[in-house]
Amino acid sequence: MLFQVGGQGARPTFFEMSAAQQLPASLRAALSYSFGVFALRRPSLHKVLDYEDEFFALLMSVLESHSLRTTGSLSL
């Protein structure tokens, strides 16, 4: 079972696993909304909205590589 009281141990808790699964969808919605608001204020940012998927993929790859480096899971 993944649930451990106090989160002690090497395995993630149920709540950490649940949060990790919901993070990409929540982050994508927040970024999409933020870019939309900024594009309303500055019309030059409309081009960013055209490449929203690519920017999100780049951001997720940066976040995942940082996570792998800081947890010692990636050996270069």
PDB file of N, CA and C in Angstrom:
ATOM      1  N   MET A   1       0.844  -1.181   0.000  1.00  0.00           N
ATOM      2  CA  MET A   1       0.000   0.000   0.000  1.00  0.00           C
ATOM      3  C   MET A   1       0.888   1.243   0.000  1.00  0.00           C
ATOM      4  N   LEU A   2       0.514   2.254  -0.786  1.00  0.00           N
ATOM      5  CA  LEU A   2       1.337   3.444  -0.922  1.00  0.00           C
ATOM      6  C   LEU A   2       1.151   4.439   0.210  1.00  0.00           C
ATOM      7  N   PHE A   3       0.062   4.347   0.945  1.00  0.00           N
ATOM      8  CA  PHE A   3      -0.208   5.328   1.991  1.00  0.00           C
ATOM      9  C   PHE A   3       0.606   5.018   3.234  1.00  0.00           C
ATOM     10  N   GLN A   4       1.365   6.026   3.688  1.00  0.00           N
ATOM     11  CA  GLN A   4       2.150   5.887   4.900  1.00  0.00           C
ATOM     12  C   GLN A   4       1.892   7.104   5.767  1.00  0.00           C
ATOM     13  N   VAL A   5       1.634   6.900   7.023  1.00  0.00           N
ATOM     14  CA  VAL A   5       1.363   8.004   7.934  1.00  0.00           C
ATOM     15  C   VAL A   5       2.631   8.832   8.101  1.00  0.00           C
ATOM     16  N   GLY A   6       2.514  10.130   7.888  1.00  0.00           N
ATOM     17  CA  GLY A   6       3.647  11.023   8.049  1.00  0.00           C
ATOM     18  C   GLY A   6       4.545  11.110   6.828  1.00  0.00           C
ATOM     19  N   GLY A   7       4.325  10.290   5.824  1.00  0.00           N
ATOM     20  CA  GLY A   7       5.121  10.354   4.607  1.00  0.00           C
ATOM     21  C   GLY A   7       6.553   9.894   4.783  1.00  0.00           C
ATOM     22  N   GLN A   8       6.841   9.122   5.806  1.00  0.00           N
ATOM     23  CA  GLN A   8       8.208   8.643   6.030  1.00  0.00           C
ATOM     24  C   GLN A   8       8.477   7.454   5.127  1.00  0.00           C
ATOM     25  N   GLY A   9       9.668   7.380   4.594  1.00  0.00           N
ATOM     26  CA  GLY A   9      10.022   6.250   3.753  1.00  0.00           C
ATOM     27  C   GLY A   9      10.386   6.698   2.353  1.00  0.00           C
ATOM     28  N   ALA A  10      10.786   5.727   1.530  1.00  0.00           N
ATOM     29  CA  ALA A  10      11.251   6.036   0.189  1.00  0.00           C
ATOM     30  C   ALA A  10      10.104   6.106  -0.823  1.00  0.00           C
ATOM     31  N   ARG A  11       9.002   5.445  -0.528  1.00  0.00           N
ATOM     32  CA  ARG A  11       7.890   5.431  -1.479  1.00  0.00           C
ATOM     33  C   ARG A  11       7.003   6.655  -1.284  1.00  0.00           C
ATOM     34  N   PRO A  12       6.425   7.167  -2.375  1.00  0.00           N
ATOM     35  CA  PRO A  12       5.532   8.326  -2.250  1.00  0.00           C
ATOM     36  C   PRO A  12       4.199   7.912  -1.630  1.00  0.00           C
ATOM     37  N   THR A  13       3.558   8.860  -0.980  1.00  0.00           N
ATOM     38  CA  THR A  13       2.251   8.590  -0.391  1.00  0.00           C
ATOM     39  C   THR A  13       1.180   8.637  -1.472  1.00  0.00           C
ATOM     40  N   PHE A  14      -0.011   8.212  -1.122  1.00  0.00           N
ATOM     41  CA  PHE A  14      -1.143   8.242  -2.049  1.00  0.00           C
ATOM     42  C   PHE A  14      -1.419   9.665  -2.505  1.00  0.00           C
ATOM     43  N   PHE A  15      -1.333  10.617  -1.596  1.00  0.00           N
ATOM     44  CA  PHE A  15      -1.628  12.010  -1.922  1.00  0.00           C
ATOM     45  C   PHE A  15      -0.578  12.612  -2.860  1.00  0.00           C
ATOM     46  N   GLU A  16       0.672  12.222  -2.674  1.00  0.00           N
ATOM     47  CA  GLU A  16       1.725  12.677  -3.583  1.00  0.00           C
ATOM     48  C   GLU A  16       1.534  12.107  -4.986  1.00  0.00           C
ATOM     49  N   MET A  17       1.128  10.860  -5.081  1.00  0.00           N
ATOM     50  CA  MET A  17       0.868  10.253  -6.382  1.00  0.00           C
ATOM     51  C   MET A  17      -0.321  10.915  -7.059  1.00  0.00           C
ATOM     52  N   SER A  18      -1.351  11.205  -6.294  1.00  0.00           N
ATOM     53  CA  SER A  18      -2.533  11.861  -6.846  1.00  0.00           C
ATOM     54  C   SER A  18      -2.198  13.264  -7.339  1.00  0.00           C
ATOM     55  N   ALA A  19      -1.418  13.999  -6.571  1.00  0.00           N
ATOM     56  CA  ALA A  19      -1.021  15.352  -6.966  1.00  0.00           C
ATOM     57  C   ALA A  19      -0.137  15.318  -8.208  1.00  0.00           C
ATOM     58  N   ALA A  20       0.737  14.331  -8.312  1.00  0.00           N
ATOM     59  CA  ALA A  20       1.616  14.230  -9.469  1.00  0.00           C
ATOM     60  C   ALA A  20       0.833  13.932 -10.743  1.00  0.00           C
ATOM     61  N   GLN A  21      -0.257  13.190 -10.628  1.00  0.00           N
ATOM     62  CA  GLN A  21      -1.071  12.891 -11.800  1.00  0.00           C
ATOM     63  C   GLN A  21      -1.895  14.094 -12.239  1.00  0.00           C
ATOM     64  N   GLN A  22      -2.291  14.941 -11.301  1.00  0.00           N
ATOM     65  CA  GLN A  22      -3.125  16.094 -11.630  1.00  0.00           C
ATOM     66  C   GLN A  22      -2.319  17.330 -12.005  1.00  0.00           C
ATOM     67  N   LEU A  23      -1.036  17.354 -11.731  1.00  0.00           N
ATOM     68  CA  LEU A  23      -0.215  18.533 -11.996  1.00  0.00           C
ATOM     69  C   LEU A  23      -0.170  18.956 -13.458  1.00  0.00           C
ATOM     70  N   PRO A  24       0.096  18.065 -14.416  1.00  0.00           N
ATOM     71  CA  PRO A  24       0.193  18.534 -15.812  1.00  0.00           C
ATOM     72  C   PRO A  24      -1.102  19.177 -16.326  1.00  0.00           C
ATOM     73  N   ALA A  25      -2.237  18.591 -16.024  1.00  0.00           N
ATOM     74  CA  ALA A  25      -3.499  19.157 -16.497  1.00  0.00           C
ATOM     75  C   ALA A  25      -3.768  20.515 -15.858  1.00  0.00           C
ATOM     76  N   SER A  26      -3.499  20.641 -14.573  1.00  0.00           N
ATOM     77  CA  SER A  26      -3.714  21.911 -13.885  1.00  0.00           C
ATOM     78  C   SER A  26      -2.741  22.979 -14.376  1.00  0.00           C
ATOM     79  N   LEU A  27      -1.504  22.591 -14.568  1.00  0.00           N
ATOM     80  CA  LEU A  27      -0.491  23.534 -15.048  1.00  0.00           C
ATOM     81  C   LEU A  27      -0.801  24.007 -16.462  1.00  0.00           C
ATOM     82  N   ARG A  28      -1.266  23.094 -17.298  1.00  0.00           N
ATOM     83  CA  ARG A  28      -1.615  23.453 -18.677  1.00  0.00           C
ATOM     84  C   ARG A  28      -2.784  24.441 -18.698  1.00  0.00           C
ATOM     85  N   ALA A  29      -3.810  24.205 -17.890  1.00  0.00           N
ATOM     86  CA  ALA A  29      -4.952  25.113 -17.837  1.00  0.00           C
ATOM     87  C   ALA A  29      -4.538  26.488 -17.318  1.00  0.00           C
ATOM     88  N   ALA A  30      -3.685  26.518 -16.301  1.00  0.00           N
ATOM     89  CA  ALA A  30      -3.237  27.795 -15.744  1.00  0.00           C
ATOM     90  C   ALA A  30      -2.399  28.582 -16.746  1.00  0.00           C
ATOM     91  N   LEU A  31      -1.500  27.902 -17.447  1.00  0.00           N
ATOM     92  CA  LEU A  31      -0.677  28.581 -18.443  1.00  0.00           C
ATOM     93  C   LEU A  31      -1.501  29.070 -19.624  1.00  0.00           C
ATOM     94  N   SER A  32      -2.457  28.271 -20.043  1.00  0.00           N
ATOM     95  CA  SER A  32      -3.314  28.670 -21.159  1.00  0.00           C
ATOM     96  C   SER A  32      -4.116  29.914 -20.799  1.00  0.00           C
ATOM     97  N   TYR A  33      -4.657  29.938 -19.613  1.00  0.00           N
ATOM     98  CA  TYR A  33      -5.419  31.106 -19.169  1.00  0.00           C
ATOM     99  C   TYR A  33      -4.519  32.334 -19.035  1.00  0.00           C
ATOM    100  N   SER A  34      -3.351  32.144 -18.450  1.00  0.00           N
ATOM    101  CA  SER A  34      -2.427  33.267 -18.257  1.00  0.00           C
ATOM    102  C   SER A  34      -1.971  33.856 -19.584  1.00  0.00           C
ATOM    103  N   PHE A  35      -1.608  32.984 -20.537  1.00  0.00           N
ATOM    104  CA  PHE A  35      -1.214  33.488 -21.853  1.00  0.00           C
ATOM    105  C   PHE A  35      -2.366  34.187 -22.550  1.00  0.00           C
ATOM    106  N   GLY A  36      -3.584  33.689 -22.355  1.00  0.00           N
ATOM    107  CA  GLY A  36      -4.749  34.326 -22.950  1.00  0.00           C
ATOM    108  C   GLY A  36      -4.964  35.727 -22.410  1.00  0.00           C
ATOM    109  N   VAL A  37      -4.815  35.901 -21.103  1.00  0.00           N
ATOM    110  CA  VAL A  37      -4.976  37.222 -20.492  1.00  0.00           C
ATOM    111  C   VAL A  37      -3.866  38.159 -20.942  1.00  0.00           C
ATOM    112  N   PHE A  38      -2.621  37.663 -20.963  1.00  0.00           N
ATOM    113  CA  PHE A  38      -1.515  38.508 -21.422  1.00  0.00           C
ATOM    114  C   PHE A  38      -1.676  38.885 -22.896  1.00  0.00           C
ATOM    115  N   ALA A  39      -2.218  37.966 -23.701  1.00  0.00           N
ATOM    116  CA  ALA A  39      -2.405  38.254 -25.123  1.00  0.00           C
ATOM    117  C   ALA A  39      -3.490  39.309 -25.333  1.00  0.00           C
ATOM    118  N   LEU A  40      -4.468  39.369 -24.450  1.00  0.00           N
ATOM    119  CA  LEU A  40      -5.484  40.419 -24.557  1.00  0.00           C
ATOM    120  C   LEU A  40      -4.878  41.788 -24.290  1.00  0.00           C
ATOM    121  N   ARG A  41      -3.922  41.830 -23.398  1.00  0.00           N
ATOM    122  CA  ARG A  41      -3.290  43.100 -23.041  1.00  0.00           C
ATOM    123  C   ARG A  41      -2.188  43.494 -24.017  1.00  0.00           C
ATOM    124  N   ARG A  42      -1.513  42.509 -24.568  1.00  0.00           N
ATOM    125  CA  ARG A  42      -0.426  42.766 -25.520  1.00  0.00           C
ATOM    126  C   ARG A  42      -0.656  41.901 -26.754  1.00  0.00           C
ATOM    127  N   PRO A  43      -1.122  42.506 -27.826  1.00  0.00           N
ATOM    128  CA  PRO A  43      -1.449  41.734 -29.036  1.00  0.00           C
ATOM    129  C   PRO A  43      -0.262  40.995 -29.650  1.00  0.00           C
ATOM    130  N   SER A  44       0.943  41.407 -29.351  1.00  0.00           N
ATOM    131  CA  SER A  44       2.109  40.719 -29.920  1.00  0.00           C
ATOM    132  C   SER A  44       2.257  39.297 -29.372  1.00  0.00           C
ATOM    133  N   LEU A  45       1.607  38.987 -28.266  1.00  0.00           N
ATOM    134  CA  LEU A  45       1.702  37.648 -27.668  1.00  0.00           C
ATOM    135  C   LEU A  45       0.734  36.642 -28.282  1.00  0.00           C
ATOM    136  N   HIS A  46      -0.061  37.060 -29.257  1.00  0.00           N
ATOM    137  CA  HIS A  46      -0.975  36.117 -29.904  1.00  0.00           C
ATOM    138  C   HIS A  46      -0.219  35.007 -30.620  1.00  0.00           C
ATOM    139  N   LYS A  47       1.000  35.285 -31.049  1.00  0.00           N
ATOM    140  CA  LYS A  47       1.807  34.244 -31.699  1.00  0.00           C
ATOM    141  C   LYS A  47       2.196  33.151 -30.707  1.00  0.00           C
ATOM    142  N   VAL A  48       2.319  33.511 -29.445  1.00  0.00           N
ATOM    143  CA  VAL A  48       2.628  32.505 -28.416  1.00  0.00           C
ATOM    144  C   VAL A  48       1.469  31.518 -28.299  1.00  0.00           C
ATOM    145  N   LEU A  49       0.244  32.016 -28.434  1.00  0.00           N
ATOM    146  CA  LEU A  49      -0.918  31.138 -28.338  1.00  0.00           C
ATOM    147  C   LEU A  49      -0.970  30.145 -29.498  1.00  0.00           C
ATOM    148  N   ASP A  50      -0.405  30.509 -30.638  1.00  0.00           N
ATOM    149  CA  ASP A  50      -0.365  29.583 -31.771  1.00  0.00           C
ATOM    150  C   ASP A  50       0.527  28.384 -31.489  1.00  0.00           C
ATOM    151  N   TYR A  51       1.546  28.569 -30.667  1.00  0.00           N
ATOM    152  CA  TYR A  51       2.498  27.507 -30.338  1.00  0.00           C
ATOM    153  C   TYR A  51       2.378  27.080 -28.871  1.00  0.00           C
ATOM    154  N   GLU A  52       1.174  27.105 -28.367  1.00  0.00           N
ATOM    155  CA  GLU A  52       0.932  26.794 -26.956  1.00  0.00           C
ATOM    156  C   GLU A  52       1.352  25.365 -26.610  1.00  0.00           C
ATOM    157  N   ASP A  53       1.054  24.411 -27.476  1.00  0.00           N
ATOM    158  CA  ASP A  53       1.411  23.015 -27.207  1.00  0.00           C
ATOM    159  C   ASP A  53       2.926  22.829 -27.129  1.00  0.00           C
ATOM    160  N   GLU A  54       3.643  23.490 -28.016  1.00  0.00           N
ATOM    161  CA  GLU A  54       5.095  23.362 -28.024  1.00  0.00           C
ATOM    162  C   GLU A  54       5.720  23.990 -26.782  1.00  0.00           C
ATOM    163  N   PHE A  55       5.206  25.156 -26.368  1.00  0.00           N
ATOM    164  CA  PHE A  55       5.719  25.795 -25.161  1.00  0.00           C
ATOM    165  C   PHE A  55       5.443  24.950 -23.922  1.00  0.00           C
ATOM    166  N   PHE A  56       4.260  24.339 -23.886  1.00  0.00           N
ATOM    167  CA  PHE A  56       3.929  23.497 -22.745  1.00  0.00           C
ATOM    168  C   PHE A  56       4.819  22.254 -22.714  1.00  0.00           C
ATOM    169  N   ALA A  57       5.075  21.654 -23.868  1.00  0.00           N
ATOM    170  CA  ALA A  57       5.949  20.479 -23.918  1.00  0.00           C
ATOM    171  C   ALA A  57       7.372  20.839 -23.481  1.00  0.00           C
ATOM    172  N   LEU A  58       7.847  21.998 -23.891  1.00  0.00           N
ATOM    173  CA  LEU A  58       9.170  22.462 -23.478  1.00  0.00           C
ATOM    174  C   LEU A  58       9.226  22.690 -21.970  1.00  0.00           C
ATOM    175  N   LEU A  59       8.208  23.333 -21.428  1.00  0.00           N
ATOM    176  CA  LEU A  59       8.153  23.572 -19.983  1.00  0.00           C
ATOM    177  C   LEU A  59       8.122  22.261 -19.206  1.00  0.00           C
ATOM    178  N   MET A  60       7.325  21.307 -19.650  1.00  0.00           N
ATOM    179  CA  MET A  60       7.240  20.023 -18.947  1.00  0.00           C
ATOM    180  C   MET A  60       8.556  19.253 -19.035  1.00  0.00           C
ATOM    181  N   SER A  61       9.250  19.341 -20.164  1.00  0.00           N
ATOM    182  CA  SER A  61      10.537  18.647 -20.259  1.00  0.00           C
ATOM    183  C   SER A  61      11.571  19.281 -19.334  1.00  0.00           C
ATOM    184  N   VAL A  62      11.538  20.606 -19.200  1.00  0.00           N
ATOM    185  CA  VAL A  62      12.453  21.283 -18.269  1.00  0.00           C
ATOM    186  C   VAL A  62      12.130  20.888 -16.833  1.00  0.00           C
ATOM    187  N   LEU A  63      10.846  20.888 -16.476  1.00  0.00           N
ATOM    188  CA  LEU A  63      10.455  20.524 -15.115  1.00  0.00           C
ATOM    189  C   LEU A  63      10.794  19.070 -14.797  1.00  0.00           C
ATOM    190  N   GLU A  64      10.549  18.168 -15.733  1.00  0.00           N
ATOM    191  CA  GLU A  64      10.830  16.759 -15.486  1.00  0.00           C
ATOM    192  C   GLU A  64      12.329  16.480 -15.408  1.00  0.00           C
ATOM    193  N   SER A  65      13.114  17.143 -16.251  1.00  0.00           N
ATOM    194  CA  SER A  65      14.559  16.923 -16.176  1.00  0.00           C
ATOM    195  C   SER A  65      15.133  17.491 -14.874  1.00  0.00           C
ATOM    196  N   HIS A  66      14.606  18.627 -14.424  1.00  0.00           N
ATOM    197  CA  HIS A  66      15.040  19.175 -13.142  1.00  0.00           C
ATOM    198  C   HIS A  66      14.678  18.226 -12.004  1.00  0.00           C
ATOM    199  N   SER A  67      13.486  17.667 -12.053  1.00  0.00           N
ATOM    200  CA  SER A  67      13.071  16.721 -11.027  1.00  0.00           C
ATOM    201  C   SER A  67      13.960  15.481 -11.010  1.00  0.00           C
ATOM    202  N   LEU A  68      14.297  14.972 -12.185  1.00  0.00           N
ATOM    203  CA  LEU A  68      15.159  13.800 -12.248  1.00  0.00           C
ATOM    204  C   LEU A  68      16.568  14.098 -11.740  1.00  0.00           C
ATOM    205  N   ARG A  69      17.074  15.284 -12.035  1.00  0.00           N
ATOM    206  CA  ARG A  69      18.414  15.638 -11.564  1.00  0.00           C
ATOM    207  C   ARG A  69      18.458  15.828 -10.058  1.00  0.00           C
ATOM    208  N   THR A  70      17.436  16.472  -9.487  1.00  0.00           N
ATOM    209  CA  THR A  70      17.468  16.759  -8.053  1.00  0.00           C
ATOM    210  C   THR A  70      17.193  15.523  -7.200  1.00  0.00           C
ATOM    211  N   THR A  71      16.496  14.526  -7.747  1.00  0.00           N
ATOM    212  CA  THR A  71      16.230  13.326  -6.972  1.00  0.00           C
ATOM    213  C   THR A  71      17.294  12.257  -7.181  1.00  0.00           C
ATOM    214  N   GLY A  72      18.263  12.525  -8.047  1.00  0.00           N
ATOM    215  CA  GLY A  72      19.324  11.558  -8.264  1.00  0.00           C
ATOM    216  C   GLY A  72      18.922  10.421  -9.177  1.00  0.00           C
ATOM    217  N   SER A  73      17.833  10.574  -9.908  1.00  0.00           N
ATOM    218  CA  SER A  73      17.365   9.515 -10.784  1.00  0.00           C
ATOM    219  C   SER A  73      18.024   9.547 -12.148  1.00  0.00           C
ATOM    220  N   LEU A  74      18.635  10.660 -12.492  1.00  0.00           N
ATOM    221  CA  LEU A  74      19.257  10.811 -13.796  1.00  0.00           C
ATOM    222  C   LEU A  74      20.758  10.899 -13.607  1.00  0.00           C
ATOM    223  N   SER A  75      21.459   9.977 -14.212  1.00  0.00           N
ATOM    224  CA  SER A  75      22.927  10.028 -14.103  1.00  0.00           C
ATOM    225  C   SER A  75      23.498  10.383 -15.465  1.00  0.00           C
ATOM    226  N   LEU A  76      24.171  11.502 -15.528  1.00  0.00           N
ATOM    227  CA  LEU A  76      24.781  11.947 -16.780  1.00  0.00           C
ATOM    228  C   LEU A  76      26.274  11.757 -16.752  1.00  0.00           C
TER     229      LEU A  76
END
